[in-house]
Amino acid sequence: MKIRYFAGAADAAGRRDQDVAGPLPLTALRTALADEHGPEFAAVLGRCSLMVDGARADDDVVAADSATVDVLPPFAGG
């Protein structure tokens, strides 16, 4: 699956995207990404929403190998 990082998540991961083998439940994906990118990224990831193929997804959703997962930190504005 394609993982795309935005804003502070991209800064903390040190990249804008990466490929990860799937399928994976989002809970497992969060754990794998936190382990790979370290504690600073894990702290940011804990505040992020995940979208799978353009739709907000809860952590029990399983993302297919062909999915695009967006990691979106909270943002303010109006």
PDB file of N, CA and C in Angstrom:
ATOM      1  N   MET A   1       0.839  -1.175   0.000  1.00  0.00           N
ATOM      2  CA  MET A   1       0.000   0.000   0.000  1.00  0.00           C
ATOM      3  C   MET A   1       0.880   1.232   0.000  1.00  0.00           C
ATOM      4  N   LYS A   2       0.338   2.316  -0.471  1.00  0.00           N
ATOM      5  CA  LYS A   2       1.059   3.591  -0.517  1.00  0.00           C
ATOM      6  C   LYS A   2       0.659   4.387   0.718  1.00  0.00           C
ATOM      7  N   ILE A   3       1.644   4.823   1.500  1.00  0.00           N
ATOM      8  CA  ILE A   3       1.417   5.678   2.663  1.00  0.00           C
ATOM      9  C   ILE A   3       1.858   7.079   2.267  1.00  0.00           C
ATOM     10  N   ARG A   4       0.967   8.050   2.451  1.00  0.00           N
ATOM     11  CA  ARG A   4       1.303   9.447   2.155  1.00  0.00           C
ATOM     12  C   ARG A   4       1.221  10.248   3.450  1.00  0.00           C
ATOM     13  N   TYR A   5       2.298  10.981   3.735  1.00  0.00           N
ATOM     14  CA  TYR A   5       2.391  11.806   4.944  1.00  0.00           C
ATOM     15  C   TYR A   5       2.183  13.269   4.585  1.00  0.00           C
ATOM     16  N   PHE A   6       1.470  13.983   5.449  1.00  0.00           N
ATOM     17  CA  PHE A   6       1.193  15.390   5.220  1.00  0.00           C
ATOM     18  C   PHE A   6       1.648  16.228   6.407  1.00  0.00           C
ATOM     19  N   ALA A   7       2.070  17.462   6.118  1.00  0.00           N
ATOM     20  CA  ALA A   7       2.415  18.489   7.121  1.00  0.00           C
ATOM     21  C   ALA A   7       3.383  17.926   8.166  1.00  0.00           C
ATOM     22  N   GLY A   8       3.031  18.050   9.456  1.00  0.00           N
ATOM     23  CA  GLY A   8       3.910  17.627  10.543  1.00  0.00           C
ATOM     24  C   GLY A   8       4.232  16.144  10.521  1.00  0.00           C
ATOM     25  N   ALA A   9       3.342  15.326   9.985  1.00  0.00           N
ATOM     26  CA  ALA A   9       3.618  13.893   9.880  1.00  0.00           C
ATOM     27  C   ALA A   9       4.759  13.648   8.887  1.00  0.00           C
ATOM     28  N   ALA A  10       4.765  14.391   7.786  1.00  0.00           N
ATOM     29  CA  ALA A  10       5.852  14.260   6.813  1.00  0.00           C
ATOM     30  C   ALA A  10       7.176  14.724   7.416  1.00  0.00           C
ATOM     31  N   ASP A  11       7.124  15.822   8.160  1.00  0.00           N
ATOM     32  CA  ASP A  11       8.346  16.319   8.809  1.00  0.00           C
ATOM     33  C   ASP A  11       8.899  15.292   9.788  1.00  0.00           C
ATOM     34  N   ALA A  12       8.023  14.714  10.614  1.00  0.00           N
ATOM     35  CA  ALA A  12       8.466  13.750  11.629  1.00  0.00           C
ATOM     36  C   ALA A  12       8.956  12.449  11.003  1.00  0.00           C
ATOM     37  N   ALA A  13       8.336  12.022   9.900  1.00  0.00           N
ATOM     38  CA  ALA A  13       8.753  10.785   9.220  1.00  0.00           C
ATOM     39  C   ALA A  13       9.996  11.007   8.366  1.00  0.00           C
ATOM     40  N   GLY A  14      10.257  12.265   8.007  1.00  0.00           N
ATOM     41  CA  GLY A  14      11.394  12.553   7.159  1.00  0.00           C
ATOM     42  C   GLY A  14      11.170  12.168   5.704  1.00  0.00           C
ATOM     43  N   ARG A  15       9.912  12.041   5.325  1.00  0.00           N
ATOM     44  CA  ARG A  15       9.560  11.690   3.949  1.00  0.00           C
ATOM     45  C   ARG A  15       8.108  12.047   3.691  1.00  0.00           C
ATOM     46  N   ARG A  16       7.740  12.074   2.450  1.00  0.00           N
ATOM     47  CA  ARG A  16       6.359  12.401   2.055  1.00  0.00           C
ATOM     48  C   ARG A  16       5.531  11.155   1.777  1.00  0.00           C
ATOM     49  N   ASP A  17       6.194  10.046   1.437  1.00  0.00           N
ATOM     50  CA  ASP A  17       5.444   8.812   1.164  1.00  0.00           C
ATOM     51  C   ASP A  17       6.359   7.607   1.284  1.00  0.00           C
ATOM     52  N   GLN A  18       5.731   6.441   1.307  1.00  0.00           N
ATOM     53  CA  GLN A  18       6.469   5.188   1.310  1.00  0.00           C
ATOM     54  C   GLN A  18       5.504   4.071   0.969  1.00  0.00           C
ATOM     55  N   ASP A  19       6.044   2.949   0.573  1.00  0.00           N
ATOM     56  CA  ASP A  19       5.249   1.757   0.299  1.00  0.00           C
ATOM     57  C   ASP A  19       5.406   0.783   1.454  1.00  0.00           C
ATOM     58  N   VAL A  20       4.295   0.143   1.816  1.00  0.00           N
ATOM     59  CA  VAL A  20       4.263  -0.846   2.890  1.00  0.00           C
ATOM     60  C   VAL A  20       3.463  -2.040   2.375  1.00  0.00           C
ATOM     61  N   ALA A  21       3.919  -3.248   2.677  1.00  0.00           N
ATOM     62  CA  ALA A  21       3.195  -4.444   2.270  1.00  0.00           C
ATOM     63  C   ALA A  21       1.904  -4.574   3.075  1.00  0.00           C
ATOM     64  N   GLY A  22       0.852  -4.918   2.429  1.00  0.00           N
ATOM     65  CA  GLY A  22      -0.440  -5.120   3.076  1.00  0.00           C
ATOM     66  C   GLY A  22      -0.990  -6.471   2.654  1.00  0.00           C
ATOM     67  N   PRO A  23      -2.194  -6.766   3.033  1.00  0.00           N
ATOM     68  CA  PRO A  23      -3.121  -5.942   3.801  1.00  0.00           C
ATOM     69  C   PRO A  23      -2.731  -5.897   5.274  1.00  0.00           C
ATOM     70  N   LEU A  24      -3.143  -4.797   5.928  1.00  0.00           N
ATOM     71  CA  LEU A  24      -2.872  -4.601   7.356  1.00  0.00           C
ATOM     72  C   LEU A  24      -4.026  -3.861   8.006  1.00  0.00           C
ATOM     73  N   PRO A  25      -4.402  -4.278   9.235  1.00  0.00           N
ATOM     74  CA  PRO A  25      -5.304  -3.433  10.016  1.00  0.00           C
ATOM     75  C   PRO A  25      -4.570  -2.125  10.336  1.00  0.00           C
ATOM     76  N   LEU A  26      -5.291  -1.033  10.388  1.00  0.00           N
ATOM     77  CA  LEU A  26      -4.646   0.255  10.648  1.00  0.00           C
ATOM     78  C   LEU A  26      -3.941   0.282  11.996  1.00  0.00           C
ATOM     79  N   THR A  27      -4.432  -0.461  12.975  1.00  0.00           N
ATOM     80  CA  THR A  27      -3.742  -0.547  14.268  1.00  0.00           C
ATOM     81  C   THR A  27      -2.332  -1.113  14.073  1.00  0.00           C
ATOM     82  N   ALA A  28      -2.227  -2.175  13.296  1.00  0.00           N
ATOM     83  CA  ALA A  28      -0.921  -2.781  13.027  1.00  0.00           C
ATOM     84  C   ALA A  28      -0.051  -1.852  12.185  1.00  0.00           C
ATOM     85  N   LEU A  29      -0.664  -1.144  11.254  1.00  0.00           N
ATOM     86  CA  LEU A  29       0.084  -0.189  10.445  1.00  0.00           C
ATOM     87  C   LEU A  29       0.649   0.923  11.313  1.00  0.00           C
ATOM     88  N   ARG A  30      -0.158   1.456  12.226  1.00  0.00           N
ATOM     89  CA  ARG A  30       0.332   2.505  13.143  1.00  0.00           C
ATOM     90  C   ARG A  30       1.544   2.000  13.930  1.00  0.00           C
ATOM     91  N   THR A  31       1.455   0.783  14.447  1.00  0.00           N
ATOM     92  CA  THR A  31       2.551   0.207  15.236  1.00  0.00           C
ATOM     93  C   THR A  31       3.809   0.057  14.385  1.00  0.00           C
ATOM     94  N   ALA A  32       3.652  -0.468  13.174  1.00  0.00           N
ATOM     95  CA  ALA A  32       4.810  -0.669  12.291  1.00  0.00           C
ATOM     96  C   ALA A  32       5.467   0.659  11.925  1.00  0.00           C
ATOM     97  N   LEU A  33       4.655   1.670  11.610  1.00  0.00           N
ATOM     98  CA  LEU A  33       5.216   2.972  11.243  1.00  0.00           C
ATOM     99  C   LEU A  33       5.905   3.636  12.432  1.00  0.00           C
ATOM    100  N   ALA A  34       5.308   3.541  13.619  1.00  0.00           N
ATOM    101  CA  ALA A  34       5.920   4.118  14.816  1.00  0.00           C
ATOM    102  C   ALA A  34       7.256   3.440  15.120  1.00  0.00           C
ATOM    103  N   ASP A  35       7.295   2.115  14.991  1.00  0.00           N
ATOM    104  CA  ASP A  35       8.548   1.381  15.224  1.00  0.00           C
ATOM    105  C   ASP A  35       9.617   1.780  14.207  1.00  0.00           C
ATOM    106  N   GLU A  36       9.220   1.960  12.958  1.00  0.00           N
ATOM    107  CA  GLU A  36      10.174   2.291  11.906  1.00  0.00           C
ATOM    108  C   GLU A  36      10.725   3.709  12.034  1.00  0.00           C
ATOM    109  N   HIS A  37       9.855   4.668  12.361  1.00  0.00           N
ATOM    110  CA  HIS A  37      10.252   6.076  12.323  1.00  0.00           C
ATOM    111  C   HIS A  37      10.634   6.668  13.679  1.00  0.00           C
ATOM    112  N   GLY A  38      10.401   5.954  14.762  1.00  0.00           N
ATOM    113  CA  GLY A  38      10.883   6.395  16.061  1.00  0.00           C
ATOM    114  C   GLY A  38       9.879   7.166  16.902  1.00  0.00           C
ATOM    115  N   PRO A  39      10.304   7.533  18.119  1.00  0.00           N
ATOM    116  CA  PRO A  39       9.388   8.110  19.112  1.00  0.00           C
ATOM    117  C   PRO A  39       8.824   9.478  18.735  1.00  0.00           C
ATOM    118  N   GLU A  40       9.598  10.319  18.054  1.00  0.00           N
ATOM    119  CA  GLU A  40       9.054  11.629  17.659  1.00  0.00           C
ATOM    120  C   GLU A  40       7.891  11.438  16.686  1.00  0.00           C
ATOM    121  N   PHE A  41       8.099  10.550  15.717  1.00  0.00           N
ATOM    122  CA  PHE A  41       7.026  10.272  14.771  1.00  0.00           C
ATOM    123  C   PHE A  41       5.851   9.610  15.470  1.00  0.00           C
ATOM    124  N   ALA A  42       6.107   8.681  16.382  1.00  0.00           N
ATOM    125  CA  ALA A  42       5.029   7.997  17.100  1.00  0.00           C
ATOM    126  C   ALA A  42       4.145   8.994  17.840  1.00  0.00           C
ATOM    127  N   ALA A  43       4.751  10.017  18.431  1.00  0.00           N
ATOM    128  CA  ALA A  43       3.969  11.039  19.141  1.00  0.00           C
ATOM    129  C   ALA A  43       3.068  11.804  18.177  1.00  0.00           C
ATOM    130  N   VAL A  44       3.577  12.124  17.002  1.00  0.00           N
ATOM    131  CA  VAL A  44       2.768  12.812  15.988  1.00  0.00           C
ATOM    132  C   VAL A  44       1.679  11.874  15.472  1.00  0.00           C
ATOM    133  N   LEU A  45       2.049  10.644  15.172  1.00  0.00           N
ATOM    134  CA  LEU A  45       1.106   9.673  14.625  1.00  0.00           C
ATOM    135  C   LEU A  45      -0.079   9.449  15.558  1.00  0.00           C
ATOM    136  N   GLY A  46       0.168   9.493  16.853  1.00  0.00           N
ATOM    137  CA  GLY A  46      -0.911   9.303  17.820  1.00  0.00           C
ATOM    138  C   GLY A  46      -1.999  10.356  17.730  1.00  0.00           C
ATOM    139  N   ARG A  47      -1.686  11.497  17.146  1.00  0.00           N
ATOM    140  CA  ARG A  47      -2.669  12.576  16.992  1.00  0.00           C
ATOM    141  C   ARG A  47      -3.250  12.645  15.583  1.00  0.00           C
ATOM    142  N   CYS A  48      -2.787  11.781  14.703  1.00  0.00           N
ATOM    143  CA  CYS A  48      -3.180  11.838  13.293  1.00  0.00           C
ATOM    144  C   CYS A  48      -4.435  11.013  13.010  1.00  0.00           C
ATOM    145  N   SER A  49      -5.167  11.481  12.014  1.00  0.00           N
ATOM    146  CA  SER A  49      -6.249  10.699  11.421  1.00  0.00           C
ATOM    147  C   SER A  49      -5.682   9.954  10.227  1.00  0.00           C
ATOM    148  N   LEU A  50      -6.254   8.793   9.957  1.00  0.00           N
ATOM    149  CA  LEU A  50      -5.861   8.033   8.781  1.00  0.00           C
ATOM    150  C   LEU A  50      -7.047   7.955   7.830  1.00  0.00           C
ATOM    151  N   MET A  51      -6.751   8.153   6.572  1.00  0.00           N
ATOM    152  CA  MET A  51      -7.756   8.007   5.528  1.00  0.00           C
ATOM    153  C   MET A  51      -7.309   6.883   4.604  1.00  0.00           C
ATOM    154  N   VAL A  52      -8.240   6.022   4.254  1.00  0.00           N
ATOM    155  CA  VAL A  52      -7.956   4.921   3.341  1.00  0.00           C
ATOM    156  C   VAL A  52      -8.733   5.168   2.056  1.00  0.00           C
ATOM    157  N   ASP A  53      -8.006   5.321   0.980  1.00  0.00           N
ATOM    158  CA  ASP A  53      -8.606   5.600  -0.326  1.00  0.00           C
ATOM    159  C   ASP A  53      -9.594   6.762  -0.256  1.00  0.00           C
ATOM    160  N   GLY A  54      -9.201   7.806   0.470  1.00  0.00           N
ATOM    161  CA  GLY A  54      -9.978   9.039   0.515  1.00  0.00           C
ATOM    162  C   GLY A  54     -11.079   9.095   1.549  1.00  0.00           C
ATOM    163  N   ALA A  55     -11.265   8.033   2.331  1.00  0.00           N
ATOM    164  CA  ALA A  55     -12.312   8.015   3.357  1.00  0.00           C
ATOM    165  C   ALA A  55     -11.688   7.840   4.735  1.00  0.00           C
ATOM    166  N   ARG A  56     -12.166   8.643   5.704  1.00  0.00           N
ATOM    167  CA  ARG A  56     -11.664   8.510   7.071  1.00  0.00           C
ATOM    168  C   ARG A  56     -11.931   7.093   7.555  1.00  0.00           C
ATOM    169  N   ALA A  57     -10.950   6.508   8.239  1.00  0.00           N
ATOM    170  CA  ALA A  57     -11.066   5.114   8.658  1.00  0.00           C
ATOM    171  C   ALA A  57     -10.674   4.954  10.120  1.00  0.00           C
ATOM    172  N   ASP A  58     -11.421   4.115  10.826  1.00  0.00           N
ATOM    173  CA  ASP A  58     -11.077   3.754  12.202  1.00  0.00           C
ATOM    174  C   ASP A  58      -9.948   2.738  12.183  1.00  0.00           C
ATOM    175  N   ASP A  59      -9.287   2.578  13.319  1.00  0.00           N
ATOM    176  CA  ASP A  59      -8.108   1.721  13.387  1.00  0.00           C
ATOM    177  C   ASP A  59      -8.403   0.238  13.190  1.00  0.00           C
ATOM    178  N   ASP A  60      -9.673  -0.190  13.264  1.00  0.00           N
ATOM    179  CA  ASP A  60      -9.985  -1.604  13.043  1.00  0.00           C
ATOM    180  C   ASP A  60     -10.163  -1.933  11.557  1.00  0.00           C
ATOM    181  N   VAL A  61     -10.125  -0.925  10.693  1.00  0.00           N
ATOM    182  CA  VAL A  61     -10.228  -1.141   9.249  1.00  0.00           C
ATOM    183  C   VAL A  61      -8.963  -1.812   8.745  1.00  0.00           C
ATOM    184  N   VAL A  62      -9.127  -2.756   7.835  1.00  0.00           N
ATOM    185  CA  VAL A  62      -7.988  -3.411   7.201  1.00  0.00           C
ATOM    186  C   VAL A  62      -7.761  -2.742   5.847  1.00  0.00           C
ATOM    187  N   ALA A  63      -6.576  -2.190   5.664  1.00  0.00           N
ATOM    188  CA  ALA A  63      -6.216  -1.543   4.402  1.00  0.00           C
ATOM    189  C   ALA A  63      -5.623  -2.590   3.465  1.00  0.00           C
ATOM    190  N   ALA A  64      -6.167  -2.651   2.265  1.00  0.00           N
ATOM    191  CA  ALA A  64      -5.702  -3.610   1.257  1.00  0.00           C
ATOM    192  C   ALA A  64      -4.306  -3.252   0.778  1.00  0.00           C
ATOM    193  N   ASP A  65      -3.644  -4.212   0.174  1.00  0.00           N
ATOM    194  CA  ASP A  65      -2.304  -3.978  -0.366  1.00  0.00           C
ATOM    195  C   ASP A  65      -2.319  -2.878  -1.424  1.00  0.00           C
ATOM    196  N   SER A  66      -3.432  -2.719  -2.123  1.00  0.00           N
ATOM    197  CA  SER A  66      -3.553  -1.714  -3.181  1.00  0.00           C
ATOM    198  C   SER A  66      -4.043  -0.352  -2.679  1.00  0.00           C
ATOM    199  N   ALA A  67      -4.268  -0.213  -1.370  1.00  0.00           N
ATOM    200  CA  ALA A  67      -4.836   1.016  -0.806  1.00  0.00           C
ATOM    201  C   ALA A  67      -3.823   2.150  -0.757  1.00  0.00           C
ATOM    202  N   THR A  68      -4.359   3.369  -0.717  1.00  0.00           N
ATOM    203  CA  THR A  68      -3.583   4.561  -0.402  1.00  0.00           C
ATOM    204  C   THR A  68      -4.042   5.024   0.966  1.00  0.00           C
ATOM    205  N   VAL A  69      -3.098   5.144   1.900  1.00  0.00           N
ATOM    206  CA  VAL A  69      -3.402   5.583   3.266  1.00  0.00           C
ATOM    207  C   VAL A  69      -2.759   6.946   3.479  1.00  0.00           C
ATOM    208  N   ASP A  70      -3.585   7.930   3.805  1.00  0.00           N
ATOM    209  CA  ASP A  70      -3.104   9.274   4.090  1.00  0.00           C
ATOM    210  C   ASP A  70      -2.994   9.463   5.597  1.00  0.00           C
ATOM    211  N   VAL A  71      -1.861   9.982   6.053  1.00  0.00           N
ATOM    212  CA  VAL A  71      -1.621  10.277   7.468  1.00  0.00           C
ATOM    213  C   VAL A  71      -1.746  11.784   7.634  1.00  0.00           C
ATOM    214  N   LEU A  72      -2.830  12.199   8.298  1.00  0.00           N
ATOM    215  CA  LEU A  72      -3.176  13.626   8.392  1.00  0.00           C
ATOM    216  C   LEU A  72      -3.128  14.096   9.835  1.00  0.00           C
ATOM    217  N   PRO A  73      -2.184  14.968  10.176  1.00  0.00           N
ATOM    218  CA  PRO A  73      -2.171  15.543  11.514  1.00  0.00           C
ATOM    219  C   PRO A  73      -3.340  16.509  11.670  1.00  0.00           C
ATOM    220  N   PRO A  74      -3.720  16.792  12.913  1.00  0.00           N
ATOM    221  CA  PRO A  74      -4.799  17.764  13.099  1.00  0.00           C
ATOM    222  C   PRO A  74      -4.362  19.133  12.581  1.00  0.00           C
ATOM    223  N   PHE A  75      -5.292  19.843  12.036  1.00  0.00           N
ATOM    224  CA  PHE A  75      -4.990  21.192  11.578  1.00  0.00           C
ATOM    225  C   PHE A  75      -6.180  22.090  11.894  1.00  0.00           C
ATOM    226  N   ALA A  76      -5.866  23.325  12.140  1.00  0.00           N
ATOM    227  CA  ALA A  76      -6.892  24.298  12.509  1.00  0.00           C
ATOM    228  C   ALA A  76      -7.084  25.257  11.342  1.00  0.00           C
ATOM    229  N   GLY A  77      -8.158  25.929  11.396  1.00  0.00           N
ATOM    230  CA  GLY A  77      -8.416  26.914  10.349  1.00  0.00           C
ATOM    231  C   GLY A  77      -9.897  27.009  10.084  1.00  0.00           C
ATOM    232  N   GLY A  78     -10.230  27.862   9.195  1.00  0.00           N
ATOM    233  CA  GLY A  78     -11.651  27.979   8.921  1.00  0.00           C
ATOM    234  C   GLY A  78     -11.885  28.680   7.632  1.00  0.00           C
TER     235      GLY A  78
END
